[in-house]
């Protein structure tokens, strides 16, 4: 299995305790630096932005539905006027408040009465825990429990929940990369940490959604670093790649849609959603000289 990709290829924020946090913390400053690297790449996000915005507008109720986007960063990957036209409210969440503000300004919707920016919010609720780790750290069972349970227990208190649509936009891979940065890629407990982070993120999405709402997790699956022919493949071939990538293990660890669906079905707190969980059709995202295959899953929290 492959580790999560080099964050320099994306420059996205991990969005991230339950509560608003100021920068001035090494991991928080690191996430802000990643956002800064992609701030000027608006045009490079165009294809990705169009596909992702289409996913998030599907099934919206104009003037009524409430959308929450976790890890929105610079908002380069969403068309904010389009989302505001489709939904009654749009809430953007990220660790980097400045990135959110600049993103809204770039798209001409700063101060829009139905756009709400929730900056300085750690969607893991555990960034301070992660910041204390190093390659020789022993991760305790209590630490894994915190990663899995604190997001849903703590983050919603800082947000006006009951959202009709909750989206995670390529943030889960950044959360896992942050853990890998802290512990080192060869740490023997890193995979367990990544699984706990994934569980915590899925549970947070479910907690934020209103009963009957839709949760959509979008993530990078693989890059052209290990799939060199990805940029030139016909678009109609992309869905067919997923099975081969899973069989060969050529994908970011824990990010394949089959793994995400399995995680949802295996989690007792999410198991009731299994019959309505499904993968998203994949697409490509070209950025910083790399091409990513992007996909994910949708599910309906109970």
C-alpha atoms as a PDB file:
ATOM      1  CA  UNK A   1       0.000   0.000   0.000  1.00  0.00           C
ATOM      2  CA  UNK A   2       1.143   3.555  -0.649  1.00  0.00           C
ATOM      3  CA  UNK A   3       1.352   6.332   1.878  1.00  0.00           C
ATOM      4  CA  UNK A   4      -0.572   9.541   1.452  1.00  0.00           C
ATOM      5  CA  UNK A   5       0.950  11.832  -1.160  1.00  0.00           C
ATOM      6  CA  UNK A   6       3.424  14.629  -0.657  1.00  0.00           C
ATOM      7  CA  UNK A   7       1.386  17.621   0.537  1.00  0.00           C
ATOM      8  CA  UNK A   8       3.501  19.870  -1.642  1.00  0.00           C
ATOM      9  CA  UNK A   9       1.574  18.456  -4.576  1.00  0.00           C
ATOM     10  CA  UNK A  10      -1.684  19.862  -3.274  1.00  0.00           C
ATOM     11  CA  UNK A  11      -1.099  22.664  -0.821  1.00  0.00           C
ATOM     12  CA  UNK A  12      -4.421  22.133   0.937  1.00  0.00           C
ATOM     13  CA  UNK A  13      -5.318  22.749   4.550  1.00  0.00           C
ATOM     14  CA  UNK A  14      -6.411  20.041   6.939  1.00  0.00           C
ATOM     15  CA  UNK A  15      -9.140  22.278   8.117  1.00  0.00           C
ATOM     16  CA  UNK A  16      -8.966  21.345  11.813  1.00  0.00           C
ATOM     17  CA  UNK A  17      -9.788  20.814  18.465  1.00  0.00           C
ATOM     18  CA  UNK A  18     -13.218  21.424  18.569  1.00  0.00           C
ATOM     19  CA  UNK A  19     -12.871  25.157  18.945  1.00  0.00           C
ATOM     20  CA  UNK A  20     -11.319  28.052  17.121  1.00  0.00           C
ATOM     21  CA  UNK A  21      -7.558  28.094  17.127  1.00  0.00           C
ATOM     22  CA  UNK A  22      -5.149  30.876  16.270  1.00  0.00           C
ATOM     23  CA  UNK A  23      -2.141  30.260  14.088  1.00  0.00           C
ATOM     24  CA  UNK A  24       1.266  30.349  15.783  1.00  0.00           C
ATOM     25  CA  UNK A  25       1.369  26.578  16.288  1.00  0.00           C
ATOM     26  CA  UNK A  26       3.847  24.593  14.107  1.00  0.00           C
ATOM     27  CA  UNK A  27       1.276  22.251  12.515  1.00  0.00           C
ATOM     28  CA  UNK A  28      -1.242  25.062  12.056  1.00  0.00           C
ATOM     29  CA  UNK A  29       1.385  27.250  10.434  1.00  0.00           C
ATOM     30  CA  UNK A  30       2.358  24.330   8.208  1.00  0.00           C
ATOM     31  CA  UNK A  31      -1.234  23.977   6.986  1.00  0.00           C
ATOM     32  CA  UNK A  32      -1.441  27.717   6.304  1.00  0.00           C
ATOM     33  CA  UNK A  33       1.774  27.465   4.279  1.00  0.00           C
ATOM     34  CA  UNK A  34       0.232  24.675   2.172  1.00  0.00           C
ATOM     35  CA  UNK A  35      -2.768  26.885   1.445  1.00  0.00           C
ATOM     36  CA  UNK A  36      -0.454  29.702   0.409  1.00  0.00           C
ATOM     37  CA  UNK A  37       1.250  27.500  -2.209  1.00  0.00           C
ATOM     38  CA  UNK A  38      -2.011  26.915  -4.096  1.00  0.00           C
ATOM     39  CA  UNK A  39      -3.632  30.312  -3.603  1.00  0.00           C
ATOM     40  CA  UNK A  40      -2.625  31.543  -7.036  1.00  0.00           C
ATOM     41  CA  UNK A  41      -3.626  28.379  -8.896  1.00  0.00           C
ATOM     42  CA  UNK A  42      -7.263  29.244  -9.521  1.00  0.00           C
ATOM     43  CA  UNK A  43      -7.150  28.313 -13.204  1.00  0.00           C
ATOM     44  CA  UNK A  44      -5.464  24.998 -12.474  1.00  0.00           C
ATOM     45  CA  UNK A  45      -8.420  23.968 -10.339  1.00  0.00           C
ATOM     46  CA  UNK A  46     -11.001  24.646 -13.063  1.00  0.00           C
ATOM     47  CA  UNK A  47     -11.825  21.081 -14.113  1.00  0.00           C
ATOM     48  CA  UNK A  48     -11.735  19.797 -10.539  1.00  0.00           C
ATOM     49  CA  UNK A  49     -13.810  22.763  -9.332  1.00  0.00           C
ATOM     50  CA  UNK A  50     -16.468  22.174 -11.957  1.00  0.00           C
ATOM     51  CA  UNK A  51     -16.827  18.482 -11.135  1.00  0.00           C
ATOM     52  CA  UNK A  52     -16.845  18.984  -7.375  1.00  0.00           C
ATOM     53  CA  UNK A  53     -19.312  21.871  -7.510  1.00  0.00           C
ATOM     54  CA  UNK A  54     -21.607  19.754  -9.645  1.00  0.00           C
ATOM     55  CA  UNK A  55     -21.542  16.979  -7.041  1.00  0.00           C
ATOM     56  CA  UNK A  56     -22.358  19.423  -4.236  1.00  0.00           C
ATOM     57  CA  UNK A  57     -25.191  21.103  -6.148  1.00  0.00           C
ATOM     58  CA  UNK A  58     -26.911  17.842  -7.026  1.00  0.00           C
ATOM     59  CA  UNK A  59     -30.171  17.468  -5.111  1.00  0.00           C
ATOM     60  CA  UNK A  60     -29.931  20.925  -3.545  1.00  0.00           C
ATOM     61  CA  UNK A  61     -33.061  22.892  -2.668  1.00  0.00           C
ATOM     62  CA  UNK A  62     -32.523  26.461  -3.803  1.00  0.00           C
ATOM     63  CA  UNK A  63     -33.066  28.886  -0.956  1.00  0.00           C
ATOM     64  CA  UNK A  64     -33.597  26.089   1.573  1.00  0.00           C
ATOM     65  CA  UNK A  65     -30.824  23.494   1.860  1.00  0.00           C
ATOM     66  CA  UNK A  66     -27.808  24.113   4.094  1.00  0.00           C
ATOM     67  CA  UNK A  67     -24.346  23.002   2.940  1.00  0.00           C
ATOM     68  CA  UNK A  68     -21.221  22.634   5.095  1.00  0.00           C
ATOM     69  CA  UNK A  69     -17.812  22.230   3.405  1.00  0.00           C
ATOM     70  CA  UNK A  70     -15.024  20.892   5.633  1.00  0.00           C
ATOM     71  CA  UNK A  71     -11.454  21.820   4.702  1.00  0.00           C
ATOM     72  CA  UNK A  72     -12.470  24.533   2.237  1.00  0.00           C
ATOM     73  CA  UNK A  73      -9.067  26.257   2.350  1.00  0.00           C
ATOM     74  CA  UNK A  74      -8.746  28.875  -0.390  1.00  0.00           C
ATOM     75  CA  UNK A  75     -12.077  27.716  -1.866  1.00  0.00           C
ATOM     76  CA  UNK A  76     -10.276  27.134  -5.181  1.00  0.00           C
ATOM     77  CA  UNK A  77     -12.065  23.840  -5.664  1.00  0.00           C
ATOM     78  CA  UNK A  78     -15.630  25.111  -5.267  1.00  0.00           C
ATOM     79  CA  UNK A  79     -17.617  27.676  -7.227  1.00  0.00           C
ATOM     80  CA  UNK A  80     -19.057  29.743  -4.391  1.00  0.00           C
ATOM     81  CA  UNK A  81     -21.588  31.710  -6.492  1.00  0.00           C
ATOM     82  CA  UNK A  82     -22.768  28.378  -7.902  1.00  0.00           C
ATOM     83  CA  UNK A  83     -23.133  26.850  -4.447  1.00  0.00           C
ATOM     84  CA  UNK A  84     -24.970  29.936  -3.170  1.00  0.00           C
ATOM     85  CA  UNK A  85     -27.313  29.718  -6.130  1.00  0.00           C
ATOM     86  CA  UNK A  86     -28.084  26.085  -5.335  1.00  0.00           C
ATOM     87  CA  UNK A  87     -28.300  26.204  -1.530  1.00  0.00           C
ATOM     88  CA  UNK A  88     -29.946  28.447   1.019  1.00  0.00           C
ATOM     89  CA  UNK A  89     -26.801  28.616   3.162  1.00  0.00           C
ATOM     90  CA  UNK A  90     -23.156  27.729   2.525  1.00  0.00           C
ATOM     91  CA  UNK A  91     -20.815  27.202   5.491  1.00  0.00           C
ATOM     92  CA  UNK A  92     -17.052  26.936   4.853  1.00  0.00           C
ATOM     93  CA  UNK A  93     -14.828  25.421   7.548  1.00  0.00           C
ATOM     94  CA  UNK A  94     -11.045  25.479   7.718  1.00  0.00           C
ATOM     95  CA  UNK A  95      -8.166  25.856  10.146  1.00  0.00           C
ATOM     96  CA  UNK A  96      -6.883  28.794   8.077  1.00  0.00           C
ATOM     97  CA  UNK A  97      -9.278  31.723   8.531  1.00  0.00           C
ATOM     98  CA  UNK A  98      -7.258  33.948   6.207  1.00  0.00           C
ATOM     99  CA  UNK A  99      -7.497  31.430   3.372  1.00  0.00           C
ATOM    100  CA  UNK A 100     -11.293  31.327   3.700  1.00  0.00           C
ATOM    101  CA  UNK A 101     -11.578  35.118   3.681  1.00  0.00           C
ATOM    102  CA  UNK A 102      -9.325  35.514   0.654  1.00  0.00           C
ATOM    103  CA  UNK A 103     -11.176  32.748  -1.172  1.00  0.00           C
ATOM    104  CA  UNK A 104     -14.542  34.428  -0.651  1.00  0.00           C
ATOM    105  CA  UNK A 105     -13.086  37.758  -1.747  1.00  0.00           C
ATOM    106  CA  UNK A 106     -11.577  36.269  -4.911  1.00  0.00           C
ATOM    107  CA  UNK A 107     -14.968  34.899  -5.956  1.00  0.00           C
ATOM    108  CA  UNK A 108     -16.779  38.157  -5.209  1.00  0.00           C
ATOM    109  CA  UNK A 109     -18.950  36.807  -2.399  1.00  0.00           C
ATOM    110  CA  UNK A 110     -17.227  38.265   0.682  1.00  0.00           C
ATOM    111  CA  UNK A 111     -19.917  39.453   3.076  1.00  0.00           C
ATOM    112  CA  UNK A 112     -22.678  37.541   1.286  1.00  0.00           C
ATOM    113  CA  UNK A 113     -25.537  37.155   3.794  1.00  0.00           C
ATOM    114  CA  UNK A 114     -25.874  33.407   3.133  1.00  0.00           C
ATOM    115  CA  UNK A 115     -22.150  32.584   3.199  1.00  0.00           C
ATOM    116  CA  UNK A 116     -20.687  31.724   6.610  1.00  0.00           C
ATOM    117  CA  UNK A 117     -16.929  31.378   7.198  1.00  0.00           C
ATOM    118  CA  UNK A 118     -15.817  29.263  10.156  1.00  0.00           C
ATOM    119  CA  UNK A 119     -12.085  29.877  10.259  1.00  0.00           C
ATOM    120  CA  UNK A 120      -9.593  28.683  12.856  1.00  0.00           C
ATOM    121  CA  UNK A 121     -11.486  25.451  13.440  1.00  0.00           C
ATOM    122  CA  UNK A 122      -9.556  22.172  13.802  1.00  0.00           C
ATOM    123  CA  UNK A 123     -11.825  19.479  12.380  1.00  0.00           C
ATOM    124  CA  UNK A 124      -9.725  16.727  13.981  1.00  0.00           C
ATOM    125  CA  UNK A 125     -10.126  18.239  17.489  1.00  0.00           C
ATOM    126  CA  UNK A 126      -6.725  16.605  18.107  1.00  0.00           C
ATOM    127  CA  UNK A 127      -4.124  18.745  16.354  1.00  0.00           C
ATOM    128  CA  UNK A 128      -2.519  19.504  19.710  1.00  0.00           C
ATOM    129  CA  UNK A 129      -2.218  15.741  20.323  1.00  0.00           C
ATOM    130  CA  UNK A 130      -0.611  15.196  16.915  1.00  0.00           C
ATOM    131  CA  UNK A 131       1.812  18.065  17.464  1.00  0.00           C
ATOM    132  CA  UNK A 132       3.298  16.308  20.491  1.00  0.00           C
ATOM    133  CA  UNK A 133       4.226  13.170  18.544  1.00  0.00           C
ATOM    134  CA  UNK A 134       7.589  12.290  16.987  1.00  0.00           C
ATOM    135  CA  UNK A 135       9.061   9.169  15.331  1.00  0.00           C
ATOM    136  CA  UNK A 136       9.829   7.570  18.720  1.00  0.00           C
ATOM    137  CA  UNK A 137       6.378   8.228  20.209  1.00  0.00           C
ATOM    138  CA  UNK A 138       4.233   5.360  21.427  1.00  0.00           C
ATOM    139  CA  UNK A 139       0.621   5.919  20.466  1.00  0.00           C
ATOM    140  CA  UNK A 140      -1.618   4.791  23.321  1.00  0.00           C
ATOM    141  CA  UNK A 141      -5.065   3.210  22.924  1.00  0.00           C
ATOM    142  CA  UNK A 142      -6.475   6.360  24.524  1.00  0.00           C
ATOM    143  CA  UNK A 143      -4.875   8.421  21.743  1.00  0.00           C
ATOM    144  CA  UNK A 144      -6.519   6.307  19.052  1.00  0.00           C
ATOM    145  CA  UNK A 145      -9.862   6.623  20.831  1.00  0.00           C
ATOM    146  CA  UNK A 146      -9.452  10.406  20.928  1.00  0.00           C
ATOM    147  CA  UNK A 147      -8.725  10.554  17.192  1.00  0.00           C
ATOM    148  CA  UNK A 148     -11.851   8.515  16.467  1.00  0.00           C
ATOM    149  CA  UNK A 149     -14.264  10.129  18.941  1.00  0.00           C
ATOM    150  CA  UNK A 150     -13.252  13.718  19.655  1.00  0.00           C
ATOM    151  CA  UNK A 151     -14.155  15.194  16.232  1.00  0.00           C
ATOM    152  CA  UNK A 152     -17.845  14.230  16.490  1.00  0.00           C
ATOM    153  CA  UNK A 153     -17.952  15.010  20.214  1.00  0.00           C
ATOM    154  CA  UNK A 154     -16.267  18.424  20.130  1.00  0.00           C
ATOM    155  CA  UNK A 155     -16.302  20.078  16.705  1.00  0.00           C
ATOM    156  CA  UNK A 156     -20.114  20.338  16.286  1.00  0.00           C
ATOM    157  CA  UNK A 157     -20.327  22.643  19.313  1.00  0.00           C
ATOM    158  CA  UNK A 158     -18.539  25.289  17.238  1.00  0.00           C
ATOM    159  CA  UNK A 159     -20.852  24.934  14.223  1.00  0.00           C
ATOM    160  CA  UNK A 160     -24.573  25.424  13.606  1.00  0.00           C
ATOM    161  CA  UNK A 161     -25.264  21.791  12.711  1.00  0.00           C
ATOM    162  CA  UNK A 162     -28.220  20.087  11.114  1.00  0.00           C
ATOM    163  CA  UNK A 163     -26.821  20.475   7.605  1.00  0.00           C
ATOM    164  CA  UNK A 164     -28.648  18.967   4.646  1.00  0.00           C
ATOM    165  CA  UNK A 165     -25.319  18.369   2.923  1.00  0.00           C
ATOM    166  CA  UNK A 166     -21.905  17.887   4.540  1.00  0.00           C
ATOM    167  CA  UNK A 167     -18.872  17.714   2.269  1.00  0.00           C
ATOM    168  CA  UNK A 168     -15.246  16.889   2.961  1.00  0.00           C
ATOM    169  CA  UNK A 169     -13.203  18.233   0.056  1.00  0.00           C
ATOM    170  CA  UNK A 170      -9.845  16.465  -0.232  1.00  0.00           C
ATOM    171  CA  UNK A 171      -9.078  17.104   3.445  1.00  0.00           C
ATOM    172  CA  UNK A 172      -8.877  13.539   4.815  1.00  0.00           C
ATOM    173  CA  UNK A 173      -5.607  12.876   2.974  1.00  0.00           C
ATOM    174  CA  UNK A 174      -4.160  16.047   4.505  1.00  0.00           C
ATOM    175  CA  UNK A 175      -5.179  14.932   7.984  1.00  0.00           C
ATOM    176  CA  UNK A 176      -3.440  11.613   7.455  1.00  0.00           C
ATOM    177  CA  UNK A 177      -0.381  13.307   5.962  1.00  0.00           C
ATOM    178  CA  UNK A 178      -0.153  15.493   9.074  1.00  0.00           C
ATOM    179  CA  UNK A 179      -0.008  12.354  11.225  1.00  0.00           C
ATOM    180  CA  UNK A 180       2.677  10.924   8.956  1.00  0.00           C
ATOM    181  CA  UNK A 181       4.666  14.138   9.243  1.00  0.00           C
ATOM    182  CA  UNK A 182       4.508  13.983  13.041  1.00  0.00           C
ATOM    183  CA  UNK A 183       5.264  10.275  13.495  1.00  0.00           C
ATOM    184  CA  UNK A 184       7.356   9.673  10.396  1.00  0.00           C
ATOM    185  CA  UNK A 185       6.336   7.464   7.461  1.00  0.00           C
ATOM    186  CA  UNK A 186       7.888   4.325   8.932  1.00  0.00           C
ATOM    187  CA  UNK A 187       6.191   4.446  12.328  1.00  0.00           C
ATOM    188  CA  UNK A 188       4.733   1.065  13.250  1.00  0.00           C
ATOM    189  CA  UNK A 189       1.440   2.555  14.481  1.00  0.00           C
ATOM    190  CA  UNK A 190       0.870   5.005  11.648  1.00  0.00           C
ATOM    191  CA  UNK A 191      -1.695   2.842   9.852  1.00  0.00           C
ATOM    192  CA  UNK A 192      -3.730   2.505  13.072  1.00  0.00           C
ATOM    193  CA  UNK A 193      -3.558   6.284  13.513  1.00  0.00           C
ATOM    194  CA  UNK A 194      -4.752   6.822   9.952  1.00  0.00           C
ATOM    195  CA  UNK A 195      -7.686   4.447  10.490  1.00  0.00           C
ATOM    196  CA  UNK A 196      -8.660   6.298  13.664  1.00  0.00           C
ATOM    197  CA  UNK A 197      -8.458   9.672  11.889  1.00  0.00           C
ATOM    198  CA  UNK A 198     -10.636   8.328   9.081  1.00  0.00           C
ATOM    199  CA  UNK A 199     -13.220   7.015  11.572  1.00  0.00           C
ATOM    200  CA  UNK A 200     -13.245  10.331  13.390  1.00  0.00           C
ATOM    201  CA  UNK A 201     -13.757  12.283  10.180  1.00  0.00           C
ATOM    202  CA  UNK A 202     -16.609  10.083   8.959  1.00  0.00           C
ATOM    203  CA  UNK A 203     -18.305  10.294  12.360  1.00  0.00           C
ATOM    204  CA  UNK A 204     -17.961  14.067  12.357  1.00  0.00           C
ATOM    205  CA  UNK A 205     -19.621  14.283   8.955  1.00  0.00           C
ATOM    206  CA  UNK A 206     -22.465  12.078  10.160  1.00  0.00           C
ATOM    207  CA  UNK A 207     -22.909  14.150  13.329  1.00  0.00           C
ATOM    208  CA  UNK A 208     -23.081  17.434  11.424  1.00  0.00           C
ATOM    209  CA  UNK A 209     -25.717  16.188   8.986  1.00  0.00           C
ATOM    210  CA  UNK A 210     -29.399  16.407   9.689  1.00  0.00           C
ATOM    211  CA  UNK A 211     -31.318  13.075   9.691  1.00  0.00           C
ATOM    212  CA  UNK A 212     -31.886  12.212   6.059  1.00  0.00           C
ATOM    213  CA  UNK A 213     -29.101  14.531   4.938  1.00  0.00           C
ATOM    214  CA  UNK A 214     -26.234  13.539   2.654  1.00  0.00           C
ATOM    215  CA  UNK A 215     -22.541  13.310   3.543  1.00  0.00           C
ATOM    216  CA  UNK A 216     -20.057  13.440   0.654  1.00  0.00           C
ATOM    217  CA  UNK A 217     -16.383  12.656   1.154  1.00  0.00           C
ATOM    218  CA  UNK A 218     -14.170  13.557  -1.803  1.00  0.00           C
ATOM    219  CA  UNK A 219     -10.515  12.536  -1.819  1.00  0.00           C
ATOM    220  CA  UNK A 220      -7.482  11.897  -3.968  1.00  0.00           C
ATOM    221  CA  UNK A 221      -7.117   8.194  -4.799  1.00  0.00           C
ATOM    222  CA  UNK A 222      -3.797   8.009  -6.677  1.00  0.00           C
ATOM    223  CA  UNK A 223      -1.441  10.376  -8.492  1.00  0.00           C
ATOM    224  CA  UNK A 224       0.558  10.280 -11.683  1.00  0.00           C
ATOM    225  CA  UNK A 225       3.648   9.674  -9.544  1.00  0.00           C
ATOM    226  CA  UNK A 226       2.706   5.988  -9.444  1.00  0.00           C
ATOM    227  CA  UNK A 227       0.236   5.924 -12.352  1.00  0.00           C
ATOM    228  CA  UNK A 228       2.187   7.763 -15.079  1.00  0.00           C
ATOM    229  CA  UNK A 229      -0.397   7.216 -17.811  1.00  0.00           C
ATOM    230  CA  UNK A 230      -3.193   8.833 -15.774  1.00  0.00           C
ATOM    231  CA  UNK A 231      -2.980  12.256 -17.508  1.00  0.00           C
ATOM    232  CA  UNK A 232      -3.504  10.776 -20.982  1.00  0.00           C
ATOM    233  CA  UNK A 233      -6.203   8.223 -20.240  1.00  0.00           C
ATOM    234  CA  UNK A 234      -9.625   8.850 -21.827  1.00  0.00           C
ATOM    235  CA  UNK A 235     -12.133  10.170 -19.316  1.00  0.00           C
ATOM    236  CA  UNK A 236     -14.436   7.231 -19.963  1.00  0.00           C
ATOM    237  CA  UNK A 237     -11.710   4.846 -18.743  1.00  0.00           C
ATOM    238  CA  UNK A 238     -11.290   6.391 -15.304  1.00  0.00           C
ATOM    239  CA  UNK A 239     -14.067   4.470 -13.539  1.00  0.00           C
ATOM    240  CA  UNK A 240     -12.624   1.223 -14.818  1.00  0.00           C
ATOM    241  CA  UNK A 241      -9.288   2.007 -13.178  1.00  0.00           C
ATOM    242  CA  UNK A 242     -10.657   1.711  -9.660  1.00  0.00           C
ATOM    243  CA  UNK A 243     -10.815  -2.078  -9.545  1.00  0.00           C
ATOM    244  CA  UNK A 244      -7.267  -2.483 -10.820  1.00  0.00           C
ATOM    245  CA  UNK A 245      -5.916   0.114  -8.399  1.00  0.00           C
ATOM    246  CA  UNK A 246      -7.503  -1.704  -5.487  1.00  0.00           C
ATOM    247  CA  UNK A 247      -6.186  -5.102  -6.590  1.00  0.00           C
ATOM    248  CA  UNK A 248      -2.640  -3.829  -6.998  1.00  0.00           C
ATOM    249  CA  UNK A 249      -2.662  -1.558  -3.956  1.00  0.00           C
ATOM    250  CA  UNK A 250      -1.595   1.392  -6.116  1.00  0.00           C
ATOM    251  CA  UNK A 251      -3.563   4.033  -4.241  1.00  0.00           C
ATOM    252  CA  UNK A 252      -3.184   6.272  -1.215  1.00  0.00           C
ATOM    253  CA  UNK A 253      -3.644   4.187   1.887  1.00  0.00           C
ATOM    254  CA  UNK A 254      -7.211   4.158   3.137  1.00  0.00           C
ATOM    255  CA  UNK A 255      -8.411   6.483   0.366  1.00  0.00           C
ATOM    256  CA  UNK A 256      -9.807   4.028  -2.175  1.00  0.00           C
ATOM    257  CA  UNK A 257     -13.629   4.238  -2.362  1.00  0.00           C
ATOM    258  CA  UNK A 258     -13.901   0.537  -1.504  1.00  0.00           C
ATOM    259  CA  UNK A 259     -11.941   1.168   1.684  1.00  0.00           C
ATOM    260  CA  UNK A 260     -14.077   4.159   2.581  1.00  0.00           C
ATOM    261  CA  UNK A 261     -17.283   2.183   2.037  1.00  0.00           C
ATOM    262  CA  UNK A 262     -15.868  -0.674   4.134  1.00  0.00           C
ATOM    263  CA  UNK A 263     -15.005   1.768   6.925  1.00  0.00           C
ATOM    264  CA  UNK A 264     -18.556   3.128   6.929  1.00  0.00           C
ATOM    265  CA  UNK A 265     -20.089  -0.338   7.046  1.00  0.00           C
ATOM    266  CA  UNK A 266     -17.718  -1.581   9.752  1.00  0.00           C
ATOM    267  CA  UNK A 267     -18.381   1.333  12.113  1.00  0.00           C
ATOM    268  CA  UNK A 268     -21.362   0.566  14.311  1.00  0.00           C
ATOM    269  CA  UNK A 269     -22.143   4.261  14.697  1.00  0.00           C
ATOM    270  CA  UNK A 270     -22.361   4.543  10.900  1.00  0.00           C
ATOM    271  CA  UNK A 271     -23.579   1.075   9.961  1.00  0.00           C
ATOM    272  CA  UNK A 272     -27.192   2.116   9.486  1.00  0.00           C
ATOM    273  CA  UNK A 273     -26.070   4.183   6.504  1.00  0.00           C
ATOM    274  CA  UNK A 274     -24.531   1.250   4.640  1.00  0.00           C
ATOM    275  CA  UNK A 275     -27.464   0.558   2.328  1.00  0.00           C
ATOM    276  CA  UNK A 276     -27.347   4.136   1.064  1.00  0.00           C
ATOM    277  CA  UNK A 277     -23.566   4.463   0.752  1.00  0.00           C
ATOM    278  CA  UNK A 278     -22.181   4.581  -2.779  1.00  0.00           C
ATOM    279  CA  UNK A 279     -19.013   5.612  -4.630  1.00  0.00           C
ATOM    280  CA  UNK A 280     -18.685   8.765  -6.721  1.00  0.00           C
ATOM    281  CA  UNK A 281     -17.644   8.599 -10.386  1.00  0.00           C
ATOM    282  CA  UNK A 282     -13.949   9.594 -10.472  1.00  0.00           C
ATOM    283  CA  UNK A 283     -12.360  12.518 -12.287  1.00  0.00           C
ATOM    284  CA  UNK A 284      -8.908  14.058 -12.758  1.00  0.00           C
ATOM    285  CA  UNK A 285      -7.314  16.983 -10.968  1.00  0.00           C
ATOM    286  CA  UNK A 286      -4.143  18.510 -12.421  1.00  0.00           C
ATOM    287  CA  UNK A 287      -2.036  20.584 -10.040  1.00  0.00           C
ATOM    288  CA  UNK A 288       1.639  21.461  -9.504  1.00  0.00           C
ATOM    289  CA  UNK A 289       2.819  19.144 -12.275  1.00  0.00           C
ATOM    290  CA  UNK A 290       0.901  16.135 -10.935  1.00  0.00           C
ATOM    291  CA  UNK A 291      -2.390  14.620 -11.974  1.00  0.00           C
ATOM    292  CA  UNK A 292      -4.637  13.087  -9.318  1.00  0.00           C
ATOM    293  CA  UNK A 293      -7.506  10.661  -9.691  1.00  0.00           C
ATOM    294  CA  UNK A 294     -10.240  12.032  -7.448  1.00  0.00           C
ATOM    295  CA  UNK A 295     -13.291  10.170  -6.191  1.00  0.00           C
ATOM    296  CA  UNK A 296     -15.018   9.344  -2.945  1.00  0.00           C
ATOM    297  CA  UNK A 297     -18.290   8.243  -1.426  1.00  0.00           C
ATOM    298  CA  UNK A 298     -21.677   9.562  -0.376  1.00  0.00           C
ATOM    299  CA  UNK A 299     -23.768   8.244   2.496  1.00  0.00           C
ATOM    300  CA  UNK A 300     -26.884   9.184   4.423  1.00  0.00           C
ATOM    301  CA  UNK A 301     -26.407   9.459   8.184  1.00  0.00           C
ATOM    302  CA  UNK A 302     -29.273   8.133  10.238  1.00  0.00           C
END
